[in-house]
C-alpha atoms as a PDB file:
ATOM      1  CA  MET A   1       0.757 -42.439  -4.810  1.00  0.00           C
ATOM      2  CA  SER A   2      -2.073 -44.130  -6.646  1.00  0.00           C
ATOM      3  CA  ILE A   3      -5.225 -42.868  -8.259  1.00  0.00           C
ATOM      4  CA  VAL A   4      -7.949 -45.262  -9.340  1.00  0.00           C
ATOM      5  CA  THR A   5     -10.348 -44.327 -12.121  1.00  0.00           C
ATOM      6  CA  THR A   6     -13.232 -46.546 -13.116  1.00  0.00           C
ATOM      7  CA  SER A   7     -15.647 -46.460 -16.017  1.00  0.00           C
ATOM      8  CA  SER A   8     -18.251 -49.029 -17.030  1.00  0.00           C
ATOM      9  CA  SER A   9     -15.567 -51.298 -18.450  1.00  0.00           C
ATOM     10  CA  LEU A  10     -12.161 -50.004 -17.433  1.00  0.00           C
ATOM     11  CA  LYS A  11     -10.092 -49.343 -14.330  1.00  0.00           C
ATOM     12  CA  ILE A  12      -6.925 -47.267 -14.448  1.00  0.00           C
ATOM     13  CA  THR A  13      -4.496 -47.029 -11.555  1.00  0.00           C
ATOM     14  CA  ARG A  14      -1.637 -44.566 -11.720  1.00  0.00           C
ATOM     15  CA  PHE A  15       1.385 -44.705  -9.420  1.00  0.00           C
ATOM     16  CA  LEU A  16       4.006 -41.982  -9.006  1.00  0.00           C
ATOM     17  CA  GLU A  17       7.261 -42.545  -7.146  1.00  0.00           C
ATOM     18  CA  LYS A  18       6.509 -39.386  -5.140  1.00  0.00           C
ATOM     19  CA  LYS A  19       4.265 -36.347  -5.182  1.00  0.00           C
ATOM     20  CA  THR A  20       6.788 -33.507  -4.912  1.00  0.00           C
ATOM     21  CA  TYR A  21       9.032 -32.424  -7.801  1.00  0.00           C
ATOM     22  CA  TYR A  22      10.896 -29.417  -9.127  1.00  0.00           C
ATOM     23  CA  PRO A  23      11.172 -28.190 -12.760  1.00  0.00           C
ATOM     24  CA  GLY A  24      13.756 -30.181 -14.684  1.00  0.00           C
ATOM     25  CA  GLU A  25      13.399 -33.233 -12.429  1.00  0.00           C
ATOM     26  CA  GLU A  26      12.557 -36.690 -13.765  1.00  0.00           C
ATOM     27  CA  VAL A  27       9.046 -37.990 -13.067  1.00  0.00           C
ATOM     28  CA  ASN A  28       8.752 -41.786 -12.922  1.00  0.00           C
ATOM     29  CA  GLY A  29       5.687 -43.926 -12.473  1.00  0.00           C
ATOM     30  CA  THR A  30       3.473 -46.756 -13.659  1.00  0.00           C
ATOM     31  CA  ILE A  31      -0.029 -47.021 -15.085  1.00  0.00           C
ATOM     32  CA  TYR A  32      -2.055 -50.199 -14.594  1.00  0.00           C
ATOM     33  CA  VAL A  33      -5.045 -50.813 -16.850  1.00  0.00           C
ATOM     34  CA  GLU A  34      -7.524 -53.498 -15.835  1.00  0.00           C
ATOM     35  CA  GLY A  35     -10.356 -54.769 -17.993  1.00  0.00           C
ATOM     36  CA  ASP A  36     -13.781 -55.345 -16.481  1.00  0.00           C
ATOM     37  CA  LYS A  37     -16.731 -57.259 -17.929  1.00  0.00           C
ATOM     38  CA  ILE A  38     -16.923 -55.511 -21.309  1.00  0.00           C
ATOM     39  CA  LYS A  39     -14.300 -55.197 -24.053  1.00  0.00           C
ATOM     40  CA  LYS A  40     -12.995 -51.665 -24.254  1.00  0.00           C
ATOM     41  CA  ASN A  41     -11.208 -49.964 -27.155  1.00  0.00           C
ATOM     42  CA  ILE A  42      -9.093 -46.957 -26.242  1.00  0.00           C
ATOM     43  CA  GLN A  43      -7.465 -44.607 -28.737  1.00  0.00           C
ATOM     44  CA  TYR A  44      -4.347 -44.014 -26.642  1.00  0.00           C
ATOM     45  CA  ILE A  45      -3.197 -43.214 -23.127  1.00  0.00           C
ATOM     46  CA  ASP A  46      -1.581 -39.841 -22.559  1.00  0.00           C
ATOM     47  CA  LEU A  47      -0.379 -38.149 -19.404  1.00  0.00           C
ATOM     48  CA  LEU A  48      -1.143 -34.425 -19.377  1.00  0.00           C
ATOM     49  CA  ILE A  49       0.336 -31.721 -17.170  1.00  0.00           C
ATOM     50  CA  ASP A  50      -2.212 -28.946 -16.713  1.00  0.00           C
ATOM     51  CA  THR A  51      -2.244 -25.603 -14.955  1.00  0.00           C
ATOM     52  CA  ASN A  52      -4.142 -22.305 -15.062  1.00  0.00           C
ATOM     53  CA  TYR A  53      -3.063 -18.756 -15.773  1.00  0.00           C
ATOM     54  CA  ASN A  54      -4.714 -15.356 -15.532  1.00  0.00           C
ATOM     55  CA  ILE A  55      -5.720 -13.168 -18.443  1.00  0.00           C
ATOM     56  CA  VAL A  56      -6.297  -9.536 -17.493  1.00  0.00           C
ATOM     57  CA  LYS A  57      -8.291  -7.576 -20.043  1.00  0.00           C
ATOM     58  CA  GLU A  58     -10.226  -4.362 -19.520  1.00  0.00           C
ATOM     59  CA  ASP A  59      -9.883  -4.653 -15.734  1.00  0.00           C
ATOM     60  CA  GLN A  60     -11.338  -8.171 -15.783  1.00  0.00           C
ATOM     61  CA  ASN A  61      -9.347 -11.139 -14.537  1.00  0.00           C
ATOM     62  CA  ASN A  62     -10.150 -14.473 -16.187  1.00  0.00           C
ATOM     63  CA  SER A  63      -8.546 -17.847 -15.533  1.00  0.00           C
ATOM     64  CA  LYS A  64      -7.649 -20.137 -18.429  1.00  0.00           C
ATOM     65  CA  SER A  65      -6.635 -23.806 -18.291  1.00  0.00           C
ATOM     66  CA  ILE A  66      -3.679 -24.965 -20.358  1.00  0.00           C
ATOM     67  CA  THR A  67      -1.818 -28.220 -20.967  1.00  0.00           C
ATOM     68  CA  ILE A  68       1.857 -27.364 -20.543  1.00  0.00           C
ATOM     69  CA  ASP A  69       3.141 -30.815 -21.534  1.00  0.00           C
ATOM     70  CA  SER A  70       1.856 -34.228 -22.649  1.00  0.00           C
ATOM     71  CA  HIS A  71       3.399 -37.681 -22.921  1.00  0.00           C
ATOM     72  CA  ARG A  72       2.131 -40.629 -24.931  1.00  0.00           C
ATOM     73  CA  ILE A  73       2.094 -43.794 -22.825  1.00  0.00           C
ATOM     74  CA  THR A  74       0.625 -46.156 -25.435  1.00  0.00           C
ATOM     75  CA  GLU A  75      -1.118 -46.067 -28.782  1.00  0.00           C
ATOM     76  CA  ALA A  76      -4.517 -47.637 -29.586  1.00  0.00           C
ATOM     77  CA  LEU A  77      -5.284 -50.623 -27.411  1.00  0.00           C
ATOM     78  CA  THR A  78      -8.085 -53.140 -26.920  1.00  0.00           C
ATOM     79  CA  ILE A  79      -8.716 -54.189 -23.337  1.00  0.00           C
ATOM     80  CA  ASN A  80     -10.536 -57.492 -23.133  1.00  0.00           C
ATOM     81  CA  PRO A  81     -12.487 -58.595 -20.042  1.00  0.00           C
ATOM     82  CA  GLY A  82     -10.133 -59.775 -17.322  1.00  0.00           C
ATOM     83  CA  GLU A  83      -6.958 -58.552 -19.077  1.00  0.00           C
ATOM     84  CA  ASP A  84      -4.412 -56.411 -17.230  1.00  0.00           C
ATOM     85  CA  TYR A  85      -1.754 -54.123 -18.698  1.00  0.00           C
ATOM     86  CA  ARG A  86       1.160 -52.346 -17.077  1.00  0.00           C
ATOM     87  CA  PHE A  87       2.901 -49.305 -18.582  1.00  0.00           C
ATOM     88  CA  SER A  88       5.966 -47.632 -17.079  1.00  0.00           C
ATOM     89  CA  PHE A  89       6.628 -43.991 -17.865  1.00  0.00           C
ATOM     90  CA  SER A  90       9.387 -41.472 -17.323  1.00  0.00           C
ATOM     91  CA  PHE A  91       9.572 -37.844 -18.385  1.00  0.00           C
ATOM     92  CA  THR A  92      11.236 -34.606 -17.366  1.00  0.00           C
ATOM     93  CA  LEU A  93       9.080 -31.951 -15.767  1.00  0.00           C
ATOM     94  CA  PRO A  94       9.420 -28.887 -18.031  1.00  0.00           C
ATOM     95  CA  PHE A  95      11.612 -26.050 -16.812  1.00  0.00           C
ATOM     96  CA  ASP A  96       8.710 -23.608 -17.200  1.00  0.00           C
ATOM     97  CA  THR A  97       6.366 -25.579 -14.944  1.00  0.00           C
ATOM     98  CA  PRO A  98       4.889 -23.185 -12.351  1.00  0.00           C
ATOM     99  CA  VAL A  99       5.821 -23.553  -8.712  1.00  0.00           C
ATOM    100  CA  THR A 100       2.766 -24.512  -6.656  1.00  0.00           C
ATOM    101  CA  VAL A 101       2.744 -21.594  -4.273  1.00  0.00           C
ATOM    102  CA  GLY A 102      -0.005 -19.076  -3.702  1.00  0.00           C
ATOM    103  CA  LYS A 103      -2.885 -19.746  -6.095  1.00  0.00           C
ATOM    104  CA  ALA A 104      -0.770 -21.679  -8.611  1.00  0.00           C
ATOM    105  CA  GLU A 105      -1.662 -25.350  -9.045  1.00  0.00           C
ATOM    106  CA  VAL A 106      -0.338 -28.107 -11.311  1.00  0.00           C
ATOM    107  CA  HIS A 107      -2.393 -31.200 -12.119  1.00  0.00           C
ATOM    108  CA  LEU A 108      -1.583 -34.546 -13.708  1.00  0.00           C
ATOM    109  CA  LEU A 109      -4.340 -36.064 -15.850  1.00  0.00           C
ATOM    110  CA  THR A 110      -4.758 -39.357 -17.680  1.00  0.00           C
ATOM    111  CA  ASP A 111      -6.243 -38.969 -21.175  1.00  0.00           C
ATOM    112  CA  VAL A 112      -7.614 -42.070 -22.937  1.00  0.00           C
ATOM    113  CA  GLY A 113      -8.886 -40.256 -26.030  1.00  0.00           C
ATOM    114  CA  THR A 114     -12.559 -40.112 -25.116  1.00  0.00           C
ATOM    115  CA  ASP A 115     -12.165 -39.131 -21.464  1.00  0.00           C
ATOM    116  CA  LYS A 116      -9.735 -37.397 -19.139  1.00  0.00           C
ATOM    117  CA  PHE A 117      -9.334 -38.791 -15.637  1.00  0.00           C
ATOM    118  CA  ASP A 118      -7.350 -38.367 -12.452  1.00  0.00           C
ATOM    119  CA  GLN A 119      -7.026 -34.611 -12.078  1.00  0.00           C
ATOM    120  CA  ASP A 120      -4.574 -35.022  -9.225  1.00  0.00           C
ATOM    121  CA  GLN A 121      -2.543 -32.101  -7.942  1.00  0.00           C
ATOM    122  CA  ILE A 122       1.211 -32.497  -7.665  1.00  0.00           C
ATOM    123  CA  VAL A 123       3.497 -30.307  -5.600  1.00  0.00           C
ATOM    124  CA  VAL A 124       6.097 -28.392  -7.628  1.00  0.00           C
ATOM    125  CA  GLN A 125       8.874 -26.844  -5.569  1.00  0.00           C
ATOM    126  CA  PRO A 126      11.282 -24.191  -6.877  1.00  0.00           C
ATOM    127  CA  HIS A 127      14.258 -25.445  -8.865  1.00  0.00           C
ATOM    128  CA  PRO A 128      17.363 -25.441  -6.588  1.00  0.00           C
ATOM    129  CA  TRP A 129      18.789 -22.437  -8.461  1.00  0.00           C
ATOM    130  CA  ILE A 130      15.550 -20.500  -8.068  1.00  0.00           C
ATOM    131  CA  ASN A 131      15.226 -21.535  -4.443  1.00  0.00           C
ATOM    132  CA  CYS A 132      18.680 -20.094  -3.794  1.00  0.00           C
ATOM    133  CA  ILE A 133      17.532 -16.725  -5.168  1.00  0.00           C
ATOM    134  CA  LEU A 134      14.266 -16.797  -3.216  1.00  0.00           C
ATOM    135  CA  GLN A 135      16.088 -17.437   0.048  1.00  0.00           C
ATOM    136  CA  THR A 136      18.524 -14.630  -0.730  1.00  0.00           C
ATOM    137  CA  ILE A 137      15.695 -12.186  -1.436  1.00  0.00           C
ATOM    138  CA  GLU A 138      14.022 -13.050   1.868  1.00  0.00           C
ATOM    139  CA  SER A 139      17.311 -12.642   3.750  1.00  0.00           C
ATOM    140  CA  LEU A 140      17.579  -9.100   2.352  1.00  0.00           C
ATOM    141  CA  GLY A 141      14.293  -8.100   3.959  1.00  0.00           C
ATOM    142  CA  PHE A 142      11.435  -9.229   1.722  1.00  0.00           C
ATOM    143  CA  ARG A 143       8.508 -11.590   2.214  1.00  0.00           C
ATOM    144  CA  LEU A 144       6.890 -13.616  -0.568  1.00  0.00           C
ATOM    145  CA  HIS A 145       3.312 -12.409  -0.915  1.00  0.00           C
ATOM    146  CA  ASP A 146       2.036 -14.250  -3.988  1.00  0.00           C
ATOM    147  CA  ALA A 147       3.111 -16.088  -7.132  1.00  0.00           C
ATOM    148  CA  ASP A 148       0.470 -15.794  -9.841  1.00  0.00           C
ATOM    149  CA  CYS A 149       0.710 -17.101 -13.380  1.00  0.00           C
ATOM    150  CA  GLU A 150      -0.044 -14.206 -15.724  1.00  0.00           C
ATOM    151  CA  GLN A 151      -0.467 -14.002 -19.481  1.00  0.00           C
ATOM    152  CA  ALA A 152       2.713 -12.520 -20.987  1.00  0.00           C
ATOM    153  CA  PRO A 153       2.975 -13.041 -24.773  1.00  0.00           C
ATOM    154  CA  PHE A 154       5.608 -10.310 -25.092  1.00  0.00           C
ATOM    155  CA  PHE A 155       8.215 -12.637 -23.551  1.00  0.00           C
ATOM    156  CA  LYS A 156       7.782 -14.914 -26.602  1.00  0.00           C
ATOM    157  CA  ARG A 157       8.281 -18.070 -24.571  1.00  0.00           C
ATOM    158  CA  ARG A 158       7.014 -21.602 -25.202  1.00  0.00           C
ATOM    159  CA  LEU A 159       4.014 -20.941 -22.977  1.00  0.00           C
ATOM    160  CA  PRO A 160       1.787 -17.833 -23.160  1.00  0.00           C
ATOM    161  CA  PHE A 161       2.319 -16.987 -19.488  1.00  0.00           C
ATOM    162  CA  VAL A 162       5.004 -16.468 -16.858  1.00  0.00           C
ATOM    163  CA  GLN A 163       4.885 -16.843 -13.095  1.00  0.00           C
ATOM    164  CA  GLU A 164       5.362 -13.607 -11.168  1.00  0.00           C
ATOM    165  CA  PHE A 165       6.793 -13.885  -7.665  1.00  0.00           C
ATOM    166  CA  GLU A 166       5.546 -10.863  -5.753  1.00  0.00           C
ATOM    167  CA  PHE A 167       7.469  -9.767  -2.664  1.00  0.00           C
ATOM    168  CA  VAL A 168       6.675  -7.060  -0.158  1.00  0.00           C
ATOM    169  CA  PRO A 169       9.433  -5.318   1.806  1.00  0.00           C
ATOM    170  CA  VAL A 170       9.535  -6.007   5.532  1.00  0.00           C
ATOM    171  CA  SER A 171      12.818  -4.311   6.451  1.00  0.00           C
ATOM    172  CA  PRO A 172      12.661  -0.576   7.315  1.00  0.00           C
ATOM    173  CA  TYR A 173      15.295   0.169   4.663  1.00  0.00           C
ATOM    174  CA  TYR A 174      13.347  -1.253   1.722  1.00  0.00           C
ATOM    175  CA  ARG A 175       9.914  -0.281   3.030  1.00  0.00           C
ATOM    176  CA  GLN A 176      10.806   3.358   2.531  1.00  0.00           C
ATOM    177  CA  LEU A 177      12.060   2.714  -1.017  1.00  0.00           C
ATOM    178  CA  LEU A 178       9.719   0.106  -2.508  1.00  0.00           C
ATOM    179  CA  SER A 179       6.078  -0.845  -2.300  1.00  0.00           C
ATOM    180  CA  GLU A 180       6.751  -4.235  -3.902  1.00  0.00           C
ATOM    181  CA  LEU A 181       9.305  -6.303  -5.803  1.00  0.00           C
ATOM    182  CA  GLU A 182       8.320  -8.740  -8.551  1.00  0.00           C
ATOM    183  CA  LEU A 183      10.599 -11.430  -9.958  1.00  0.00           C
ATOM    184  CA  ILE A 184      10.078 -13.554 -13.061  1.00  0.00           C
ATOM    185  CA  PHE A 185      12.389 -16.528 -13.571  1.00  0.00           C
ATOM    186  CA  LEU A 186      13.078 -17.682 -17.134  1.00  0.00           C
ATOM    187  CA  LEU A 187      14.745 -21.021 -16.459  1.00  0.00           C
ATOM    188  CA  GLU A 188      16.829 -22.951 -18.999  1.00  0.00           C
ATOM    189  CA  GLU A 189      19.140 -25.977 -18.793  1.00  0.00           C
ATOM    190  CA  ASP A 190      22.323 -23.899 -18.545  1.00  0.00           C
ATOM    191  CA  GLY A 191      21.112 -21.028 -16.388  1.00  0.00           C
ATOM    192  CA  PHE A 192      18.282 -18.588 -15.997  1.00  0.00           C
ATOM    193  CA  GLU A 193      17.273 -15.002 -16.483  1.00  0.00           C
ATOM    194  CA  ILE A 194      15.589 -12.940 -13.777  1.00  0.00           C
ATOM    195  CA  VAL A 195      13.262 -10.112 -14.656  1.00  0.00           C
ATOM    196  CA  PHE A 196      13.204  -7.599 -11.803  1.00  0.00           C
ATOM    197  CA  GLU A 197      10.227  -5.258 -11.596  1.00  0.00           C
ATOM    198  CA  THR A 198      10.067  -2.751  -8.771  1.00  0.00           C
ATOM    199  CA  ASN A 199       7.460  -0.250  -7.682  1.00  0.00           C
ATOM    200  CA  ARG A 200       9.456   2.636  -6.255  1.00  0.00           C
ATOM    201  CA  ARG A 201       8.121   5.033  -3.676  1.00  0.00           C
ATOM    202  CA  ALA A 202       8.732   8.708  -4.335  1.00  0.00           C
ATOM    203  CA  LYS A 203       7.562  11.942  -2.776  1.00  0.00           C
ATOM    204  CA  GLY A 204       5.179  14.054  -4.770  1.00  0.00           C
ATOM    205  CA  LEU A 205       4.075  17.633  -4.463  1.00  0.00           C
ATOM    206  CA  ARG A 206       5.458  19.245  -1.269  1.00  0.00           C
ATOM    207  CA  GLY A 207       6.560  15.783  -0.115  1.00  0.00           C
ATOM    208  CA  TRP A 208       3.173  14.575   1.116  1.00  0.00           C
ATOM    209  CA  MET A 209       1.625  12.785  -1.865  1.00  0.00           C
ATOM    210  CA  PRO A 210       3.189   9.333  -2.511  1.00  0.00           C
ATOM    211  CA  GLU A 211       3.852   8.400  -6.118  1.00  0.00           C
ATOM    212  CA  ILE A 212       4.849   5.065  -7.619  1.00  0.00           C
ATOM    213  CA  TYR A 213       7.384   4.556 -10.384  1.00  0.00           C
ATOM    214  CA  GLU A 214       7.958   1.212 -12.087  1.00  0.00           C
ATOM    215  CA  ASP A 215      11.333  -0.075 -13.260  1.00  0.00           C
ATOM    216  CA  VAL A 216      12.158  -3.318 -15.093  1.00  0.00           C
ATOM    217  CA  LEU A 217      15.593  -4.930 -15.305  1.00  0.00           C
ATOM    218  CA  ARG A 218      16.662  -8.275 -16.797  1.00  0.00           C
ATOM    219  CA  VAL A 219      19.760 -10.091 -15.498  1.00  0.00           C
ATOM    220  CA  HIS A 220      21.198 -13.471 -16.548  1.00  0.00           C
ATOM    221  CA  PHE A 221      22.724 -15.926 -14.068  1.00  0.00           C
ATOM    222  CA  ASP A 222      24.462 -19.238 -14.551  1.00  0.00           C
ATOM    223  CA  GLU A 223      25.048 -21.999 -12.017  1.00  0.00           C
ATOM    224  CA  SER A 224      28.592 -20.891 -11.182  1.00  0.00           C
ATOM    225  CA  GLU A 225      27.293 -17.558  -9.896  1.00  0.00           C
ATOM    226  CA  LEU A 226      25.206 -19.279  -7.219  1.00  0.00           C
ATOM    227  CA  THR A 227      27.994 -21.123  -5.397  1.00  0.00           C
ATOM    228  CA  ASP A 228      29.155 -18.223  -3.203  1.00  0.00           C
ATOM    229  CA  GLN A 229      26.180 -17.215  -1.038  1.00  0.00           C
ATOM    230  CA  GLU A 230      27.871 -14.127   0.356  1.00  0.00           C
ATOM    231  CA  GLU A 231      28.725 -12.825  -3.106  1.00  0.00           C
ATOM    232  CA  LEU A 232      25.244 -13.682  -4.415  1.00  0.00           C
ATOM    233  CA  THR A 233      23.635 -11.728  -1.585  1.00  0.00           C
ATOM    234  CA  GLU A 234      25.816  -8.738  -2.390  1.00  0.00           C
ATOM    235  CA  VAL A 235      24.962  -8.923  -6.107  1.00  0.00           C
ATOM    236  CA  MET A 236      21.227  -9.198  -5.458  1.00  0.00           C
ATOM    237  CA  LYS A 237      21.350  -6.252  -3.059  1.00  0.00           C
ATOM    238  CA  GLU A 238      23.162  -4.134  -5.645  1.00  0.00           C
ATOM    239  CA  ILE A 239      20.557  -4.982  -8.291  1.00  0.00           C
ATOM    240  CA  ILE A 240      17.599  -4.216  -6.028  1.00  0.00           C
ATOM    241  CA  ASP A 241      19.191  -1.012  -4.781  1.00  0.00           C
ATOM    242  CA  HIS A 242      19.823   0.033  -8.374  1.00  0.00           C
ATOM    243  CA  CYS A 243      16.142  -0.515  -9.224  1.00  0.00           C
ATOM    244  CA  ALA A 244      14.979   1.242  -6.055  1.00  0.00           C
ATOM    245  CA  LYS A 245      16.848   4.502  -6.613  1.00  0.00           C
END
């Protein structure tokens, strides 16, 4: 992939080996800088990874942009007319990078100090561990409805938000127990924690008025617990059933 940005005296071309990644994967690429007719001084070249998250306050939903990671490609540089420069880069996509599903988007930008260019969207797929859980949840009778990034300072993570994967039950069994199931994945190098939040259905006065009760449960998994799909399915069912009753 290449993106070309031009100003009055500078052309920047960025190449990525591919456009689809998952959190924790290595991102490799090259930036070409070409001088034009005028000498150009740039303060630096940085690559920025940007996304947006929602802030809900007093029933109002506002979107805020945030840089979740940045990488310095080069320090101050003078580009003379006709000169070309080539910079290779390699970095690891942070584990807390949102998955680009639903309304969530992740963009890669080139920052040269005075301007930011190339707001190009990249596709971020679920980490293989997370994907294993998502497939298991769907096999149990749920459908992914949305995956918003929401402000959540109480988790005290590196970023001020988490991504909530919202599922709706499609199987008759869970439709009578839950109105929705939300999962939050807190991914680390050696494993991950899942925050389960369920909205339980219950019968109210005389059994005709539906009521909703919320439950939250946090469970830690490591890689070894994902190798046996049959056992994983059983464990996930036990956890969801526990939250639903």
